[in-house]
Amino acid sequence: MPSKTRRLQSGKGPSQRQLRVGETLRHALSEILLREDFFDPDLANVSITISEITVSPDLTNAWVYTMPLGGVNIEGILPALNRLAPLIQSFVAKKVHLRRTPRLRFLLDESFENAARMNELFAAIQRG
């Protein structure tokens, strides 16, 4: 499981193609999660933010960094998304024209929590 700031073994960042495919997948997934009904009680009436998608160099895997809006029911949402990943992937395949659709893995995006923690630390430093 790569981190969001993952670097390839050669020290280079992701290629333009990886970035373009990741952004295309993010737009398609956002639309799918907004419009499709998956009949899963853990996903009922939940808004999900997709902050970033990291794609492997061979485009076979995609790590989808998500966060439920308001941070509610995190424990139930990620397993539900990963359980429905093959179905969601089939919807993505219909929207995105790639030779093969990457295998989707949903992960919790911790960048929001990290940013909030940093803001708290800066505020504590300013207070003295």
N, C-alpha and C. Protein backbone atom coordinates (compact mmCIF):
# COMPACT_ATOMS: atom_id res chain seq x y z
N MET A 1 0.85 -1.16 0.00
CA MET A 1 0.00 0.00 0.00
C MET A 1 0.90 1.23 0.00
N PRO A 2 0.86 2.02 -1.03
CA PRO A 2 1.74 3.18 -1.11
C PRO A 2 1.21 4.34 -0.29
N SER A 3 2.12 5.19 0.13
CA SER A 3 1.70 6.41 0.80
C SER A 3 1.33 7.44 -0.26
N LYS A 4 0.66 8.50 0.15
CA LYS A 4 0.24 9.51 -0.82
C LYS A 4 1.43 10.19 -1.48
N THR A 5 2.52 10.28 -0.76
CA THR A 5 3.70 10.95 -1.30
C THR A 5 4.70 9.92 -1.80
N ARG A 6 4.21 8.84 -2.29
CA ARG A 6 5.02 7.73 -2.72
C ARG A 6 5.95 8.12 -3.85
N ARG A 7 7.14 7.62 -3.78
CA ARG A 7 8.12 7.79 -4.84
C ARG A 7 8.43 6.43 -5.42
N LEU A 8 8.71 6.39 -6.68
CA LEU A 8 9.08 5.15 -7.32
C LEU A 8 10.49 4.77 -6.89
N GLN A 9 10.87 3.53 -7.11
CA GLN A 9 12.17 3.05 -6.67
C GLN A 9 13.31 3.85 -7.30
N SER A 10 13.13 4.36 -8.47
CA SER A 10 14.18 5.12 -9.13
C SER A 10 14.28 6.54 -8.59
N GLY A 11 13.41 6.92 -7.67
CA GLY A 11 13.44 8.25 -7.09
C GLY A 11 12.58 9.26 -7.84
N LYS A 12 12.00 8.86 -8.92
CA LYS A 12 11.14 9.76 -9.70
C LYS A 12 9.73 9.71 -9.15
N GLY A 13 8.99 10.75 -9.41
CA GLY A 13 7.58 10.78 -9.04
C GLY A 13 6.76 10.05 -10.08
N PRO A 14 5.44 10.09 -9.94
CA PRO A 14 4.58 9.43 -10.92
C PRO A 14 4.70 10.09 -12.29
N SER A 15 4.50 9.29 -13.33
CA SER A 15 4.59 9.81 -14.69
C SER A 15 3.35 10.64 -15.02
N GLN A 16 3.43 11.39 -16.10
CA GLN A 16 2.27 12.17 -16.55
C GLN A 16 1.09 11.27 -16.84
N ARG A 17 1.35 10.10 -17.39
CA ARG A 17 0.27 9.16 -17.70
C ARG A 17 -0.41 8.68 -16.42
N GLN A 18 0.38 8.35 -15.40
CA GLN A 18 -0.20 7.92 -14.13
C GLN A 18 -1.06 9.03 -13.53
N LEU A 19 -0.56 10.25 -13.57
CA LEU A 19 -1.32 11.37 -13.03
C LEU A 19 -2.62 11.60 -13.80
N ARG A 20 -2.54 11.51 -15.13
CA ARG A 20 -3.71 11.73 -15.98
C ARG A 20 -4.76 10.63 -15.74
N VAL A 21 -4.31 9.37 -15.67
CA VAL A 21 -5.24 8.26 -15.43
C VAL A 21 -5.86 8.38 -14.04
N GLY A 22 -5.05 8.75 -13.05
CA GLY A 22 -5.56 8.92 -11.69
C GLY A 22 -6.63 9.99 -11.62
N GLU A 23 -6.40 11.11 -12.30
CA GLU A 23 -7.37 12.20 -12.29
C GLU A 23 -8.65 11.79 -13.05
N THR A 24 -8.50 11.08 -14.15
CA THR A 24 -9.66 10.59 -14.90
C THR A 24 -10.48 9.63 -14.05
N LEU A 25 -9.80 8.72 -13.34
CA LEU A 25 -10.48 7.78 -12.46
C LEU A 25 -11.20 8.51 -11.33
N ARG A 26 -10.57 9.55 -10.79
CA ARG A 26 -11.16 10.31 -9.69
C ARG A 26 -12.47 10.96 -10.13
N HIS A 27 -12.48 11.55 -11.32
CA HIS A 27 -13.71 12.17 -11.82
C HIS A 27 -14.79 11.11 -12.06
N ALA A 28 -14.42 9.98 -12.64
CA ALA A 28 -15.40 8.92 -12.90
C ALA A 28 -15.94 8.36 -11.60
N LEU A 29 -15.07 8.10 -10.63
CA LEU A 29 -15.52 7.56 -9.35
C LEU A 29 -16.42 8.54 -8.60
N SER A 30 -16.09 9.80 -8.66
CA SER A 30 -16.93 10.80 -7.99
C SER A 30 -18.34 10.78 -8.56
N GLU A 31 -18.44 10.72 -9.87
CA GLU A 31 -19.75 10.68 -10.51
C GLU A 31 -20.49 9.38 -10.18
N ILE A 32 -19.78 8.27 -10.18
CA ILE A 32 -20.41 6.97 -9.88
C ILE A 32 -20.92 6.93 -8.45
N LEU A 33 -20.10 7.37 -7.50
CA LEU A 33 -20.52 7.35 -6.10
C LEU A 33 -21.66 8.32 -5.84
N LEU A 34 -21.75 9.36 -6.63
CA LEU A 34 -22.83 10.33 -6.48
C LEU A 34 -24.15 9.82 -7.05
N ARG A 35 -24.09 9.11 -8.18
CA ARG A 35 -25.31 8.75 -8.91
C ARG A 35 -25.78 7.31 -8.70
N GLU A 36 -24.89 6.39 -8.43
CA GLU A 36 -25.28 4.99 -8.32
C GLU A 36 -25.74 4.67 -6.90
N ASP A 37 -26.66 3.72 -6.80
CA ASP A 37 -27.12 3.24 -5.51
C ASP A 37 -26.62 1.81 -5.35
N PHE A 38 -25.81 1.58 -4.33
CA PHE A 38 -25.17 0.28 -4.18
C PHE A 38 -25.90 -0.65 -3.23
N PHE A 39 -27.01 -0.21 -2.67
CA PHE A 39 -27.82 -1.03 -1.78
C PHE A 39 -27.00 -1.63 -0.65
N ASP A 40 -26.11 -0.84 -0.10
CA ASP A 40 -25.30 -1.27 1.03
C ASP A 40 -25.65 -0.36 2.21
N PRO A 41 -26.06 -0.93 3.34
CA PRO A 41 -26.48 -0.09 4.47
C PRO A 41 -25.36 0.81 5.00
N ASP A 42 -24.11 0.39 4.85
CA ASP A 42 -22.99 1.21 5.33
C ASP A 42 -22.76 2.44 4.45
N LEU A 43 -23.24 2.39 3.21
CA LEU A 43 -23.05 3.51 2.29
C LEU A 43 -24.31 4.35 2.10
N ALA A 44 -25.39 3.97 2.78
CA ALA A 44 -26.65 4.69 2.63
C ALA A 44 -26.54 6.10 3.21
N ASN A 45 -26.91 7.07 2.42
CA ASN A 45 -26.94 8.48 2.84
C ASN A 45 -25.60 8.99 3.37
N VAL A 46 -24.51 8.53 2.78
CA VAL A 46 -23.18 8.97 3.19
C VAL A 46 -22.52 9.66 2.00
N SER A 47 -21.97 10.84 2.25
CA SER A 47 -21.20 11.55 1.23
C SER A 47 -19.73 11.22 1.42
N ILE A 48 -19.07 10.87 0.33
CA ILE A 48 -17.68 10.44 0.40
C ILE A 48 -16.84 11.38 -0.45
N THR A 49 -15.73 11.83 0.11
CA THR A 49 -14.78 12.67 -0.60
C THR A 49 -13.65 11.80 -1.13
N ILE A 50 -13.35 11.92 -2.41
CA ILE A 50 -12.20 11.24 -3.00
C ILE A 50 -11.15 12.32 -3.22
N SER A 51 -10.09 12.27 -2.41
CA SER A 51 -9.10 13.33 -2.48
C SER A 51 -8.03 13.06 -3.53
N GLU A 52 -7.65 11.81 -3.69
CA GLU A 52 -6.59 11.50 -4.65
C GLU A 52 -6.65 10.03 -5.02
N ILE A 53 -6.17 9.73 -6.21
CA ILE A 53 -6.01 8.34 -6.64
C ILE A 53 -4.58 8.18 -7.12
N THR A 54 -3.88 7.22 -6.52
CA THR A 54 -2.52 6.90 -6.93
C THR A 54 -2.57 5.64 -7.77
N VAL A 55 -1.96 5.69 -8.95
CA VAL A 55 -2.01 4.57 -9.89
C VAL A 55 -0.61 3.97 -10.00
N SER A 56 -0.54 2.64 -10.04
CA SER A 56 0.75 1.97 -10.19
C SER A 56 1.33 2.25 -11.57
N PRO A 57 2.65 2.12 -11.73
CA PRO A 57 3.27 2.42 -13.03
C PRO A 57 2.71 1.60 -14.19
N ASP A 58 2.30 0.35 -13.92
CA ASP A 58 1.74 -0.47 -15.00
C ASP A 58 0.23 -0.31 -15.15
N LEU A 59 -0.36 0.60 -14.38
CA LEU A 59 -1.79 0.94 -14.42
C LEU A 59 -2.71 -0.24 -14.07
N THR A 60 -2.21 -1.22 -13.32
CA THR A 60 -3.06 -2.35 -12.94
C THR A 60 -3.72 -2.16 -11.58
N ASN A 61 -3.17 -1.29 -10.75
CA ASN A 61 -3.71 -1.05 -9.42
C ASN A 61 -3.92 0.45 -9.21
N ALA A 62 -4.98 0.77 -8.48
CA ALA A 62 -5.24 2.16 -8.12
C ALA A 62 -5.66 2.21 -6.66
N TRP A 63 -4.99 3.09 -5.90
CA TRP A 63 -5.30 3.28 -4.50
C TRP A 63 -6.11 4.56 -4.38
N VAL A 64 -7.34 4.41 -3.91
CA VAL A 64 -8.29 5.52 -3.85
C VAL A 64 -8.33 6.03 -2.41
N TYR A 65 -7.86 7.26 -2.20
CA TYR A 65 -7.84 7.87 -0.88
C TYR A 65 -9.15 8.60 -0.66
N THR A 66 -9.91 8.11 0.33
CA THR A 66 -11.26 8.61 0.57
C THR A 66 -11.41 9.07 2.01
N MET A 67 -12.42 9.89 2.21
CA MET A 67 -12.77 10.35 3.55
C MET A 67 -14.26 10.64 3.54
N PRO A 68 -15.01 10.04 4.47
CA PRO A 68 -16.44 10.38 4.53
C PRO A 68 -16.60 11.82 4.99
N LEU A 69 -17.53 12.51 4.38
CA LEU A 69 -17.78 13.91 4.71
C LEU A 69 -18.19 13.99 6.18
N GLY A 70 -17.50 14.79 6.93
CA GLY A 70 -17.77 14.91 8.36
C GLY A 70 -17.04 13.87 9.19
N GLY A 71 -16.35 12.94 8.56
CA GLY A 71 -15.57 11.93 9.28
C GLY A 71 -16.42 10.91 10.03
N VAL A 72 -17.68 10.75 9.64
CA VAL A 72 -18.56 9.83 10.36
C VAL A 72 -18.48 8.42 9.79
N ASN A 73 -18.58 7.43 10.67
CA ASN A 73 -18.66 6.01 10.30
C ASN A 73 -17.51 5.56 9.40
N ILE A 74 -16.31 5.97 9.74
CA ILE A 74 -15.14 5.59 8.95
C ILE A 74 -14.95 4.08 8.96
N GLU A 75 -15.20 3.45 10.11
CA GLU A 75 -14.97 2.01 10.26
C GLU A 75 -15.88 1.19 9.34
N GLY A 76 -17.06 1.68 9.05
CA GLY A 76 -17.99 0.93 8.21
C GLY A 76 -17.88 1.23 6.73
N ILE A 77 -17.42 2.43 6.39
CA ILE A 77 -17.41 2.85 4.99
C ILE A 77 -16.29 2.20 4.19
N LEU A 78 -15.08 2.18 4.73
CA LEU A 78 -13.96 1.60 3.97
C LEU A 78 -14.15 0.12 3.67
N PRO A 79 -14.55 -0.71 4.65
CA PRO A 79 -14.81 -2.11 4.29
C PRO A 79 -15.93 -2.27 3.26
N ALA A 80 -16.95 -1.42 3.35
CA ALA A 80 -18.05 -1.49 2.37
C ALA A 80 -17.56 -1.13 0.98
N LEU A 81 -16.75 -0.08 0.87
CA LEU A 81 -16.21 0.31 -0.44
C LEU A 81 -15.31 -0.79 -1.01
N ASN A 82 -14.46 -1.38 -0.17
CA ASN A 82 -13.58 -2.44 -0.66
C ASN A 82 -14.36 -3.70 -1.02
N ARG A 83 -15.46 -3.95 -0.30
CA ARG A 83 -16.31 -5.09 -0.62
C ARG A 83 -17.00 -4.89 -1.97
N LEU A 84 -17.37 -3.64 -2.27
CA LEU A 84 -18.05 -3.32 -3.53
C LEU A 84 -17.09 -2.91 -4.64
N ALA A 85 -15.79 -2.97 -4.38
CA ALA A 85 -14.80 -2.51 -5.36
C ALA A 85 -14.95 -3.17 -6.74
N PRO A 86 -15.19 -4.50 -6.83
CA PRO A 86 -15.36 -5.07 -8.18
C PRO A 86 -16.57 -4.49 -8.93
N LEU A 87 -17.67 -4.24 -8.23
CA LEU A 87 -18.84 -3.64 -8.86
C LEU A 87 -18.55 -2.20 -9.28
N ILE A 88 -17.92 -1.45 -8.39
CA ILE A 88 -17.56 -0.06 -8.71
C ILE A 88 -16.59 -0.03 -9.88
N GLN A 89 -15.66 -0.98 -9.90
CA GLN A 89 -14.69 -1.06 -11.00
C GLN A 89 -15.39 -1.32 -12.33
N SER A 90 -16.45 -2.13 -12.32
CA SER A 90 -17.18 -2.39 -13.57
C SER A 90 -17.88 -1.12 -14.06
N PHE A 91 -18.40 -0.31 -13.13
CA PHE A 91 -18.99 0.98 -13.53
C PHE A 91 -17.93 1.91 -14.10
N VAL A 92 -16.75 1.91 -13.47
CA VAL A 92 -15.64 2.75 -13.95
C VAL A 92 -15.23 2.32 -15.36
N ALA A 93 -15.18 1.01 -15.60
CA ALA A 93 -14.78 0.50 -16.92
C ALA A 93 -15.71 0.99 -18.02
N LYS A 94 -16.99 1.18 -17.70
CA LYS A 94 -17.94 1.68 -18.70
C LYS A 94 -17.74 3.16 -18.99
N LYS A 95 -17.20 3.91 -18.01
CA LYS A 95 -17.02 5.35 -18.18
C LYS A 95 -15.66 5.74 -18.72
N VAL A 96 -14.63 4.98 -18.36
CA VAL A 96 -13.25 5.33 -18.70
C VAL A 96 -12.75 4.36 -19.75
N HIS A 97 -12.19 4.88 -20.80
CA HIS A 97 -11.73 4.03 -21.89
C HIS A 97 -10.24 3.73 -21.74
N LEU A 98 -9.96 2.61 -21.06
CA LEU A 98 -8.60 2.12 -20.88
C LEU A 98 -8.58 0.67 -21.34
N ARG A 99 -7.40 0.21 -21.69
CA ARG A 99 -7.27 -1.19 -22.10
C ARG A 99 -7.74 -2.11 -20.97
N ARG A 100 -7.25 -1.83 -19.76
CA ARG A 100 -7.69 -2.56 -18.57
C ARG A 100 -7.97 -1.54 -17.47
N THR A 101 -9.04 -1.74 -16.77
CA THR A 101 -9.36 -0.84 -15.66
C THR A 101 -8.55 -1.28 -14.45
N PRO A 102 -7.87 -0.35 -13.78
CA PRO A 102 -7.08 -0.73 -12.61
C PRO A 102 -7.94 -1.32 -11.50
N ARG A 103 -7.34 -2.22 -10.73
CA ARG A 103 -8.00 -2.80 -9.56
C ARG A 103 -8.06 -1.71 -8.49
N LEU A 104 -9.23 -1.47 -7.94
CA LEU A 104 -9.43 -0.38 -6.99
C LEU A 104 -9.27 -0.88 -5.56
N ARG A 105 -8.52 -0.11 -4.77
CA ARG A 105 -8.39 -0.36 -3.33
C ARG A 105 -8.66 0.95 -2.62
N PHE A 106 -9.61 0.93 -1.72
CA PHE A 106 -10.00 2.15 -1.02
C PHE A 106 -9.26 2.25 0.31
N LEU A 107 -8.68 3.43 0.55
CA LEU A 107 -7.92 3.68 1.77
C LEU A 107 -8.41 4.97 2.41
N LEU A 108 -8.19 5.08 3.71
CA LEU A 108 -8.55 6.30 4.43
C LEU A 108 -7.52 7.38 4.14
N ASP A 109 -7.99 8.55 3.78
CA ASP A 109 -7.10 9.68 3.55
C ASP A 109 -6.86 10.37 4.88
N GLU A 110 -5.64 10.26 5.37
CA GLU A 110 -5.31 10.82 6.68
C GLU A 110 -4.74 12.24 6.57
N SER A 111 -4.67 12.78 5.37
CA SER A 111 -4.07 14.11 5.20
C SER A 111 -4.89 15.19 5.90
N PHE A 112 -6.22 15.03 5.95
CA PHE A 112 -7.05 16.01 6.63
C PHE A 112 -6.76 16.03 8.13
N GLU A 113 -6.62 14.84 8.72
CA GLU A 113 -6.30 14.74 10.14
C GLU A 113 -4.91 15.29 10.41
N ASN A 114 -3.96 14.99 9.54
CA ASN A 114 -2.59 15.49 9.71
C ASN A 114 -2.56 17.02 9.64
N ALA A 115 -3.31 17.60 8.71
CA ALA A 115 -3.36 19.05 8.59
C ALA A 115 -3.98 19.68 9.84
N ALA A 116 -5.03 19.08 10.36
CA ALA A 116 -5.67 19.60 11.57
C ALA A 116 -4.71 19.52 12.75
N ARG A 117 -3.98 18.42 12.84
CA ARG A 117 -3.01 18.25 13.92
C ARG A 117 -1.90 19.30 13.82
N MET A 118 -1.43 19.57 12.61
CA MET A 118 -0.40 20.59 12.42
C MET A 118 -0.93 21.97 12.80
N ASN A 119 -2.16 22.28 12.43
CA ASN A 119 -2.76 23.57 12.80
C ASN A 119 -2.85 23.73 14.31
N GLU A 120 -3.22 22.63 15.00
CA GLU A 120 -3.28 22.68 16.46
C GLU A 120 -1.90 22.93 17.06
N LEU A 121 -0.88 22.29 16.51
CA LEU A 121 0.48 22.50 17.00
C LEU A 121 0.94 23.94 16.79
N PHE A 122 0.66 24.48 15.61
CA PHE A 122 1.04 25.87 15.33
C PHE A 122 0.30 26.83 16.26
N ALA A 123 -0.98 26.56 16.51
CA ALA A 123 -1.75 27.41 17.42
C ALA A 123 -1.20 27.33 18.84
N ALA A 124 -0.79 26.14 19.27
CA ALA A 124 -0.21 25.98 20.61
C ALA A 124 1.11 26.72 20.72
N ILE A 125 1.90 26.72 19.66
CA ILE A 125 3.18 27.43 19.66
C ILE A 125 2.94 28.94 19.75
N GLN A 126 1.96 29.43 19.02
CA GLN A 126 1.66 30.87 19.03
C GLN A 126 1.14 31.33 20.39
N ARG A 127 0.39 30.47 21.07
CA ARG A 127 -0.13 30.82 22.40
C ARG A 127 0.99 30.85 23.43
N GLY A 128 2.04 30.10 23.16
CA GLY A 128 3.20 30.12 24.05
C GLY A 128 3.24 28.95 24.88
